[in-house]
Amino acid sequence: VQIQATKALGWSRMESRNIDGMNVHDISDAAF
């Protein structure tokens, strides 16, 4: 969904904070 919203705006970048409720530095290796 985050990618979809980014592309809907015509952008190619996003700032990553939480993914599925966890910060990008805390998600599992598989999730990353």
PDB file of all heavy atoms in Angstrom:
ATOM      1  N   VAL A   1       0.839  -1.205   0.000  1.00  0.00           N
ATOM      2  CA  VAL A   1       0.000   0.000   0.000  1.00  0.00           C
ATOM      3  C   VAL A   1       0.871   1.250   0.000  1.00  0.00           C
ATOM      4  O   VAL A   1       0.565   2.242  -0.669  1.00  0.00           O
ATOM      5  CB  VAL A   1      -0.958   0.009   1.208  1.00  0.00           C
ATOM      6  CG1 VAL A   1      -1.708   1.338   1.296  1.00  0.00           C
ATOM      7  CG2 VAL A   1      -1.958  -1.137   1.101  1.00  0.00           C
ATOM      8  N   GLN A   2       1.967   1.212   0.730  1.00  0.00           N
ATOM      9  CA  GLN A   2       2.870   2.361   0.779  1.00  0.00           C
ATOM     10  C   GLN A   2       3.450   2.655  -0.601  1.00  0.00           C
ATOM     11  O   GLN A   2       3.559   3.818  -1.009  1.00  0.00           O
ATOM     12  CB  GLN A   2       3.975   2.095   1.809  1.00  0.00           C
ATOM     13  CG  GLN A   2       3.450   2.021   3.241  1.00  0.00           C
ATOM     14  CD  GLN A   2       4.521   1.674   4.259  1.00  0.00           C
ATOM     15  OE1 GLN A   2       5.714   1.831   4.006  1.00  0.00           O
ATOM     16  NE2 GLN A   2       4.106   1.200   5.415  1.00  0.00           N
ATOM     17  N   ILE A   3       3.802   1.624  -1.318  1.00  0.00           N
ATOM     18  CA  ILE A   3       4.321   1.802  -2.676  1.00  0.00           C
ATOM     19  C   ILE A   3       3.224   2.318  -3.598  1.00  0.00           C
ATOM     20  O   ILE A   3       3.448   3.215  -4.423  1.00  0.00           O
ATOM     21  CB  ILE A   3       4.917   0.482  -3.200  1.00  0.00           C
ATOM     22  CG1 ILE A   3       6.220   0.165  -2.461  1.00  0.00           C
ATOM     23  CG2 ILE A   3       5.163   0.560  -4.714  1.00  0.00           C
ATOM     24  CD1 ILE A   3       6.795  -1.212  -2.768  1.00  0.00           C
ATOM     25  N   GLN A   4       2.029   1.770  -3.476  1.00  0.00           N
ATOM     26  CA  GLN A   4       0.904   2.209  -4.304  1.00  0.00           C
ATOM     27  C   GLN A   4       0.639   3.701  -4.133  1.00  0.00           C
ATOM     28  O   GLN A   4       0.436   4.436  -5.116  1.00  0.00           O
ATOM     29  CB  GLN A   4      -0.351   1.415  -3.955  1.00  0.00           C
ATOM     30  CG  GLN A   4      -0.331  -0.034  -4.406  1.00  0.00           C
ATOM     31  CD  GLN A   4      -1.468  -0.839  -3.809  1.00  0.00           C
ATOM     32  OE1 GLN A   4      -2.384  -0.281  -3.195  1.00  0.00           O
ATOM     33  NE2 GLN A   4      -1.428  -2.158  -3.978  1.00  0.00           N
ATOM     34  N   ALA A   5       0.618   4.166  -2.882  1.00  0.00           N
ATOM     35  CA  ALA A   5       0.363   5.581  -2.617  1.00  0.00           C
ATOM     36  C   ALA A   5       1.481   6.453  -3.166  1.00  0.00           C
ATOM     37  O   ALA A   5       1.244   7.541  -3.710  1.00  0.00           O
ATOM     38  CB  ALA A   5       0.198   5.809  -1.116  1.00  0.00           C
ATOM     39  N   THR A   6       2.718   5.992  -3.038  1.00  0.00           N
ATOM     40  CA  THR A   6       3.869   6.735  -3.568  1.00  0.00           C
ATOM     41  C   THR A   6       3.751   6.892  -5.076  1.00  0.00           C
ATOM     42  O   THR A   6       3.927   8.003  -5.614  1.00  0.00           O
ATOM     43  CB  THR A   6       5.177   5.998  -3.202  1.00  0.00           C
ATOM     44  OG1 THR A   6       5.283   5.894  -1.775  1.00  0.00           O
ATOM     45  CG2 THR A   6       6.384   6.754  -3.750  1.00  0.00           C
ATOM     46  N   LYS A   7       3.436   5.821  -5.760  1.00  0.00           N
ATOM     47  CA  LYS A   7       3.330   5.857  -7.221  1.00  0.00           C
ATOM     48  C   LYS A   7       2.091   6.643  -7.665  1.00  0.00           C
ATOM     49  O   LYS A   7       2.109   7.274  -8.742  1.00  0.00           O
ATOM     50  CB  LYS A   7       3.317   4.441  -7.772  1.00  0.00           C
ATOM     51  CG  LYS A   7       4.645   3.716  -7.585  1.00  0.00           C
ATOM     52  CD  LYS A   7       4.622   2.317  -8.167  1.00  0.00           C
ATOM     53  CE  LYS A   7       4.714   2.337  -9.679  1.00  0.00           C
ATOM     54  NZ  LYS A   7       6.018   2.785 -10.167  1.00  0.00           N
ATOM     55  N   ALA A   8       1.020   6.637  -6.859  1.00  0.00           N
ATOM     56  CA  ALA A   8      -0.180   7.412  -7.194  1.00  0.00           C
ATOM     57  C   ALA A   8       0.131   8.902  -7.231  1.00  0.00           C
ATOM     58  O   ALA A   8      -0.516   9.667  -7.962  1.00  0.00           O
ATOM     59  CB  ALA A   8      -1.291   7.137  -6.181  1.00  0.00           C
ATOM     60  N   LEU A   9       1.140   9.316  -6.463  1.00  0.00           N
ATOM     61  CA  LEU A   9       1.560  10.714  -6.441  1.00  0.00           C
ATOM     62  C   LEU A   9       2.591  11.008  -7.532  1.00  0.00           C
ATOM     63  O   LEU A   9       3.002  12.160  -7.703  1.00  0.00           O
ATOM     64  CB  LEU A   9       2.148  11.054  -5.064  1.00  0.00           C
ATOM     65  CG  LEU A   9       1.109  11.242  -3.956  1.00  0.00           C
ATOM     66  CD1 LEU A   9       1.742  11.083  -2.571  1.00  0.00           C
ATOM     67  CD2 LEU A   9       0.459  12.611  -4.087  1.00  0.00           C
ATOM     68  N   GLY A  10       3.014   9.981  -8.242  1.00  0.00           N
ATOM     69  CA  GLY A  10       4.030  10.174  -9.279  1.00  0.00           C
ATOM     70  C   GLY A  10       5.432  10.260  -8.715  1.00  0.00           C
ATOM     71  O   GLY A  10       6.340  10.772  -9.377  1.00  0.00           O
ATOM     72  N   TRP A  11       5.636   9.770  -7.492  1.00  0.00           N
ATOM     73  CA  TRP A  11       6.930   9.845  -6.832  1.00  0.00           C
ATOM     74  C   TRP A  11       7.658   8.514  -6.943  1.00  0.00           C
ATOM     75  O   TRP A  11       7.058   7.461  -7.132  1.00  0.00           O
ATOM     76  CB  TRP A  11       6.767  10.196  -5.356  1.00  0.00           C
ATOM     77  CG  TRP A  11       6.063  11.493  -5.096  1.00  0.00           C
ATOM     78  CD1 TRP A  11       5.768  12.473  -6.000  1.00  0.00           C
ATOM     79  CD2 TRP A  11       5.558  11.945  -3.840  1.00  0.00           C
ATOM     80  NE1 TRP A  11       5.119  13.510  -5.390  1.00  0.00           N
ATOM     81  CE2 TRP A  11       4.969  13.223  -4.057  1.00  0.00           C
ATOM     82  CE3 TRP A  11       5.536  11.410  -2.550  1.00  0.00           C
ATOM     83  CZ2 TRP A  11       4.373  13.955  -3.041  1.00  0.00           C
ATOM     84  CZ3 TRP A  11       4.943  12.135  -1.532  1.00  0.00           C
ATOM     85  CH2 TRP A  11       4.380  13.406  -1.767  1.00  0.00           C
ATOM     86  N   SER A  12       8.969   8.567  -6.757  1.00  0.00           N
ATOM     87  CA  SER A  12       9.781   7.356  -6.778  1.00  0.00           C
ATOM     88  C   SER A  12      10.509   7.130  -5.460  1.00  0.00           C
ATOM     89  O   SER A  12      11.321   6.217  -5.338  1.00  0.00           O
ATOM     90  CB  SER A  12      10.815   7.429  -7.914  1.00  0.00           C
ATOM     91  OG  SER A  12      11.695   8.531  -7.709  1.00  0.00           O
ATOM     92  N   ARG A  13      10.211   7.985  -4.462  1.00  0.00           N
ATOM     93  CA  ARG A  13      10.870   7.872  -3.161  1.00  0.00           C
ATOM     94  C   ARG A  13       9.837   7.827  -2.033  1.00  0.00           C
ATOM     95  O   ARG A  13       8.766   8.411  -2.136  1.00  0.00           O
ATOM     96  CB  ARG A  13      11.796   9.069  -2.907  1.00  0.00           C
ATOM     97  CG  ARG A  13      12.997   9.188  -3.831  1.00  0.00           C
ATOM     98  CD  ARG A  13      13.701  10.496  -3.534  1.00  0.00           C
ATOM     99  NE  ARG A  13      14.952  10.671  -4.242  1.00  0.00           N
ATOM    100  CZ  ARG A  13      15.059  11.187  -5.456  1.00  0.00           C
ATOM    101  NH1 ARG A  13      13.969  11.540  -6.132  1.00  0.00           N
ATOM    102  NH2 ARG A  13      16.241  11.345  -6.020  1.00  0.00           N
ATOM    103  N   MET A  14      10.213   7.180  -0.939  1.00  0.00           N
ATOM    104  CA  MET A  14       9.414   7.194   0.268  1.00  0.00           C
ATOM    105  C   MET A  14      10.340   7.181   1.474  1.00  0.00           C
ATOM    106  O   MET A  14      11.457   6.665   1.405  1.00  0.00           O
ATOM    107  CB  MET A  14       8.462   5.990   0.326  1.00  0.00           C
ATOM    108  CG  MET A  14       9.132   4.648   0.160  1.00  0.00           C
ATOM    109  SD  MET A  14       7.992   3.243   0.242  1.00  0.00           S
ATOM    110  CE  MET A  14       7.928   2.989   2.013  1.00  0.00           C
ATOM    111  N   GLU A  15       9.885   7.803   2.554  1.00  0.00           N
ATOM    112  CA  GLU A  15      10.616   7.736   3.815  1.00  0.00           C
ATOM    113  C   GLU A  15      10.021   6.582   4.602  1.00  0.00           C
ATOM    114  O   GLU A  15       8.808   6.514   4.794  1.00  0.00           O
ATOM    115  CB  GLU A  15      10.500   9.049   4.590  1.00  0.00           C
ATOM    116  CG  GLU A  15      11.305   9.037   5.881  1.00  0.00           C
ATOM    117  CD  GLU A  15      11.532  10.428   6.471  1.00  0.00           C
ATOM    118  OE1 GLU A  15      11.095  11.425   5.849  1.00  0.00           O
ATOM    119  OE2 GLU A  15      12.140  10.519   7.545  1.00  0.00           O
ATOM    120  N   SER A  16      10.851   5.664   5.044  1.00  0.00           N
ATOM    121  CA  SER A  16      10.351   4.464   5.700  1.00  0.00           C
ATOM    122  C   SER A  16      10.424   4.590   7.214  1.00  0.00           C
ATOM    123  O   SER A  16      11.485   4.880   7.778  1.00  0.00           O
ATOM    124  CB  SER A  16      11.146   3.226   5.259  1.00  0.00           C
ATOM    125  OG  SER A  16      10.551   2.056   5.752  1.00  0.00           O
ATOM    126  N   ARG A  17       9.285   4.368   7.847  1.00  0.00           N
ATOM    127  CA  ARG A  17       9.216   4.358   9.306  1.00  0.00           C
ATOM    128  C   ARG A  17       8.666   2.993   9.726  1.00  0.00           C
ATOM    129  O   ARG A  17       9.403   2.069   9.933  1.00  0.00           O
ATOM    130  CB  ARG A  17       8.345   5.523   9.797  1.00  0.00           C
ATOM    131  CG  ARG A  17       8.248   5.641  11.312  1.00  0.00           C
ATOM    132  CD  ARG A  17       7.568   6.951  11.724  1.00  0.00           C
ATOM    133  NE  ARG A  17       6.319   7.159  11.001  1.00  0.00           N
ATOM    134  CZ  ARG A  17       5.642   8.321  11.029  1.00  0.00           C
ATOM    135  NH1 ARG A  17       6.113   9.341  11.714  1.00  0.00           N
ATOM    136  NH2 ARG A  17       4.514   8.443  10.361  1.00  0.00           N
ATOM    137  N   ASN A  18       7.344   2.849   9.768  1.00  0.00           N
ATOM    138  CA  ASN A  18       6.748   1.573  10.163  1.00  0.00           C
ATOM    139  C   ASN A  18       6.258   0.781   8.957  1.00  0.00           C
ATOM    140  O   ASN A  18       5.691   1.340   8.022  1.00  0.00           O
ATOM    141  CB  ASN A  18       5.567   1.813  11.103  1.00  0.00           C
ATOM    142  CG  ASN A  18       6.020   2.235  12.487  1.00  0.00           C
ATOM    143  OD1 ASN A  18       7.204   2.402  12.732  1.00  0.00           O
ATOM    144  ND2 ASN A  18       5.075   2.413  13.379  1.00  0.00           N
ATOM    145  N   ILE A  19       6.469  -0.517   9.014  1.00  0.00           N
ATOM    146  CA  ILE A  19       5.934  -1.444   8.016  1.00  0.00           C
ATOM    147  C   ILE A  19       5.227  -2.555   8.783  1.00  0.00           C
ATOM    148  O   ILE A  19       5.842  -3.228   9.618  1.00  0.00           O
ATOM    149  CB  ILE A  19       7.051  -2.016   7.121  1.00  0.00           C
ATOM    150  CG1 ILE A  19       7.725  -0.881   6.336  1.00  0.00           C
ATOM    151  CG2 ILE A  19       6.482  -3.061   6.166  1.00  0.00           C
ATOM    152  CD1 ILE A  19       8.961  -1.295   5.580  1.00  0.00           C
ATOM    153  N   ASP A  20       3.928  -2.672   8.537  1.00  0.00           N
ATOM    154  CA  ASP A  20       3.099  -3.624   9.297  1.00  0.00           C
ATOM    155  C   ASP A  20       3.250  -3.411  10.798  1.00  0.00           C
ATOM    156  O   ASP A  20       3.311  -4.370  11.586  1.00  0.00           O
ATOM    157  CB  ASP A  20       3.459  -5.067   8.918  1.00  0.00           C
ATOM    158  CG  ASP A  20       3.044  -5.396   7.484  1.00  0.00           C
ATOM    159  OD1 ASP A  20       1.982  -4.914   7.048  1.00  0.00           O
ATOM    160  OD2 ASP A  20       3.795  -6.119   6.802  1.00  0.00           O
ATOM    161  N   GLY A  21       3.303  -2.147  11.198  1.00  0.00           N
ATOM    162  CA  GLY A  21       3.295  -1.796  12.612  1.00  0.00           C
ATOM    163  C   GLY A  21       4.637  -1.823  13.310  1.00  0.00           C
ATOM    164  O   GLY A  21       4.715  -1.540  14.509  1.00  0.00           O
ATOM    165  N   MET A  22       5.718  -2.140  12.607  1.00  0.00           N
ATOM    166  CA  MET A  22       7.048  -2.169  13.215  1.00  0.00           C
ATOM    167  C   MET A  22       8.005  -1.288  12.420  1.00  0.00           C
ATOM    168  O   MET A  22       7.915  -1.220  11.199  1.00  0.00           O
ATOM    169  CB  MET A  22       7.604  -3.598  13.263  1.00  0.00           C
ATOM    170  CG  MET A  22       6.838  -4.546  14.168  1.00  0.00           C
ATOM    171  SD  MET A  22       7.625  -6.177  14.239  1.00  0.00           S
ATOM    172  CE  MET A  22       9.166  -5.783  15.070  1.00  0.00           C
ATOM    173  N   ASN A  23       8.921  -0.653  13.132  1.00  0.00           N
ATOM    174  CA  ASN A  23       9.889   0.191  12.446  1.00  0.00           C
ATOM    175  C   ASN A  23      10.747  -0.654  11.515  1.00  0.00           C
ATOM    176  O   ASN A  23      11.027  -1.827  11.794  1.00  0.00           O
ATOM    177  CB  ASN A  23      10.778   0.935  13.448  1.00  0.00           C
ATOM    178  CG  ASN A  23      11.557   2.048  12.779  1.00  0.00           C
ATOM    179  OD1 ASN A  23      12.570   1.828  12.126  1.00  0.00           O
ATOM    180  ND2 ASN A  23      11.084   3.273  12.936  1.00  0.00           N
ATOM    181  N   VAL A  24      11.166  -0.044  10.426  1.00  0.00           N
ATOM    182  CA  VAL A  24      11.933  -0.759   9.405  1.00  0.00           C
ATOM    183  C   VAL A  24      13.225  -1.353   9.970  1.00  0.00           C
ATOM    184  O   VAL A  24      13.735  -2.341   9.458  1.00  0.00           O
ATOM    185  CB  VAL A  24      12.227   0.176   8.205  1.00  0.00           C
ATOM    186  CG1 VAL A  24      13.123   1.343   8.621  1.00  0.00           C
ATOM    187  CG2 VAL A  24      12.820  -0.592   7.037  1.00  0.00           C
ATOM    188  N   HIS A  25      13.768  -0.781  11.055  1.00  0.00           N
ATOM    189  CA  HIS A  25      14.972  -1.378  11.624  1.00  0.00           C
ATOM    190  C   HIS A  25      14.647  -2.512  12.607  1.00  0.00           C
ATOM    191  O   HIS A  25      15.560  -3.181  13.108  1.00  0.00           O
ATOM    192  CB  HIS A  25      15.885  -0.336  12.288  1.00  0.00           C
ATOM    193  CG  HIS A  25      15.239   0.550  13.307  1.00  0.00           C
ATOM    194  ND1 HIS A  25      14.506   0.098  14.373  1.00  0.00           N
ATOM    195  CD2 HIS A  25      15.233   1.913  13.409  1.00  0.00           C
ATOM    196  CE1 HIS A  25      14.087   1.123  15.102  1.00  0.00           C
ATOM    197  NE2 HIS A  25      14.505   2.236  14.533  1.00  0.00           N
ATOM    198  N   ASP A  26      13.360  -2.744  12.890  1.00  0.00           N
ATOM    199  CA  ASP A  26      12.983  -3.793  13.833  1.00  0.00           C
ATOM    200  C   ASP A  26      12.300  -5.007  13.192  1.00  0.00           C
ATOM    201  O   ASP A  26      12.157  -6.044  13.837  1.00  0.00           O
ATOM    202  CB  ASP A  26      12.038  -3.221  14.902  1.00  0.00           C
ATOM    203  CG  ASP A  26      12.744  -2.258  15.839  1.00  0.00           C
ATOM    204  OD1 ASP A  26      13.959  -2.420  16.047  1.00  0.00           O
ATOM    205  OD2 ASP A  26      12.081  -1.337  16.365  1.00  0.00           O
ATOM    206  N   ILE A  27      11.856  -4.882  11.954  1.00  0.00           N
ATOM    207  CA  ILE A  27      11.200  -6.020  11.306  1.00  0.00           C
ATOM    208  C   ILE A  27      12.209  -7.149  11.095  1.00  0.00           C
ATOM    209  O   ILE A  27      13.421  -6.935  11.114  1.00  0.00           O
ATOM    210  CB  ILE A  27      10.551  -5.620   9.959  1.00  0.00           C
ATOM    211  CG1 ILE A  27      11.596  -5.087   8.972  1.00  0.00           C
ATOM    212  CG2 ILE A  27       9.450  -4.589  10.183  1.00  0.00           C
ATOM    213  CD1 ILE A  27      11.026  -4.755   7.591  1.00  0.00           C
ATOM    214  N   SER A  28      11.699  -8.350  10.908  1.00  0.00           N
ATOM    215  CA  SER A  28      12.579  -9.508  10.743  1.00  0.00           C
ATOM    216  C   SER A  28      13.365  -9.416   9.437  1.00  0.00           C
ATOM    217  O   SER A  28      13.014  -8.654   8.527  1.00  0.00           O
ATOM    218  CB  SER A  28      11.749 -10.795  10.749  1.00  0.00           C
ATOM    219  OG  SER A  28      10.952 -10.865   9.569  1.00  0.00           O
ATOM    220  N   ASP A  29      14.409 -10.214   9.342  1.00  0.00           N
ATOM    221  CA  ASP A  29      15.202 -10.244   8.117  1.00  0.00           C
ATOM    222  C   ASP A  29      14.348 -10.685   6.926  1.00  0.00           C
ATOM    223  O   ASP A  29      14.476 -10.147   5.821  1.00  0.00           O
ATOM    224  CB  ASP A  29      16.397 -11.190   8.273  1.00  0.00           C
ATOM    225  CG  ASP A  29      17.462 -10.628   9.203  1.00  0.00           C
ATOM    226  OD1 ASP A  29      17.460  -9.399   9.428  1.00  0.00           O
ATOM    227  OD2 ASP A  29      18.286 -11.421   9.695  1.00  0.00           O
ATOM    228  N   ALA A  30      13.467 -11.654   7.170  1.00  0.00           N
ATOM    229  CA  ALA A  30      12.608 -12.132   6.088  1.00  0.00           C
ATOM    230  C   ALA A  30      11.660 -11.034   5.630  1.00  0.00           C
ATOM    231  O   ALA A  30      11.426 -10.857   4.428  1.00  0.00           O
ATOM    232  CB  ALA A  30      11.818 -13.357   6.553  1.00  0.00           C
ATOM    233  N   ALA A  31      11.103 -10.291   6.589  1.00  0.00           N
ATOM    234  CA  ALA A  31      10.201  -9.191   6.246  1.00  0.00           C
ATOM    235  C   ALA A  31      10.946  -8.096   5.501  1.00  0.00           C
ATOM    236  O   ALA A  31      10.421  -7.509   4.540  1.00  0.00           O
ATOM    237  CB  ALA A  31       9.551  -8.627   7.506  1.00  0.00           C
ATOM    238  N   PHE A  32      12.182  -7.839   5.910  1.00  0.00           N
ATOM    239  CA  PHE A  32      12.969  -6.815   5.218  1.00  0.00           C
ATOM    240  C   PHE A  32      13.308  -7.258   3.800  1.00  0.00           C
ATOM    241  O   PHE A  32      13.293  -6.444   2.862  1.00  0.00           O
ATOM    242  CB  PHE A  32      14.249  -6.503   5.990  1.00  0.00           C
ATOM    243  CG  PHE A  32      15.087  -5.446   5.333  1.00  0.00           C
ATOM    244  CD1 PHE A  32      14.715  -4.119   5.392  1.00  0.00           C
ATOM    245  CD2 PHE A  32      16.224  -5.788   4.620  1.00  0.00           C
ATOM    246  CE1 PHE A  32      15.474  -3.135   4.758  1.00  0.00           C
ATOM    247  CE2 PHE A  32      16.984  -4.823   3.979  1.00  0.00           C
ATOM    248  CZ  PHE A  32      16.606  -3.491   4.056  1.00  0.00           C
TER     249      PHE A  32
END
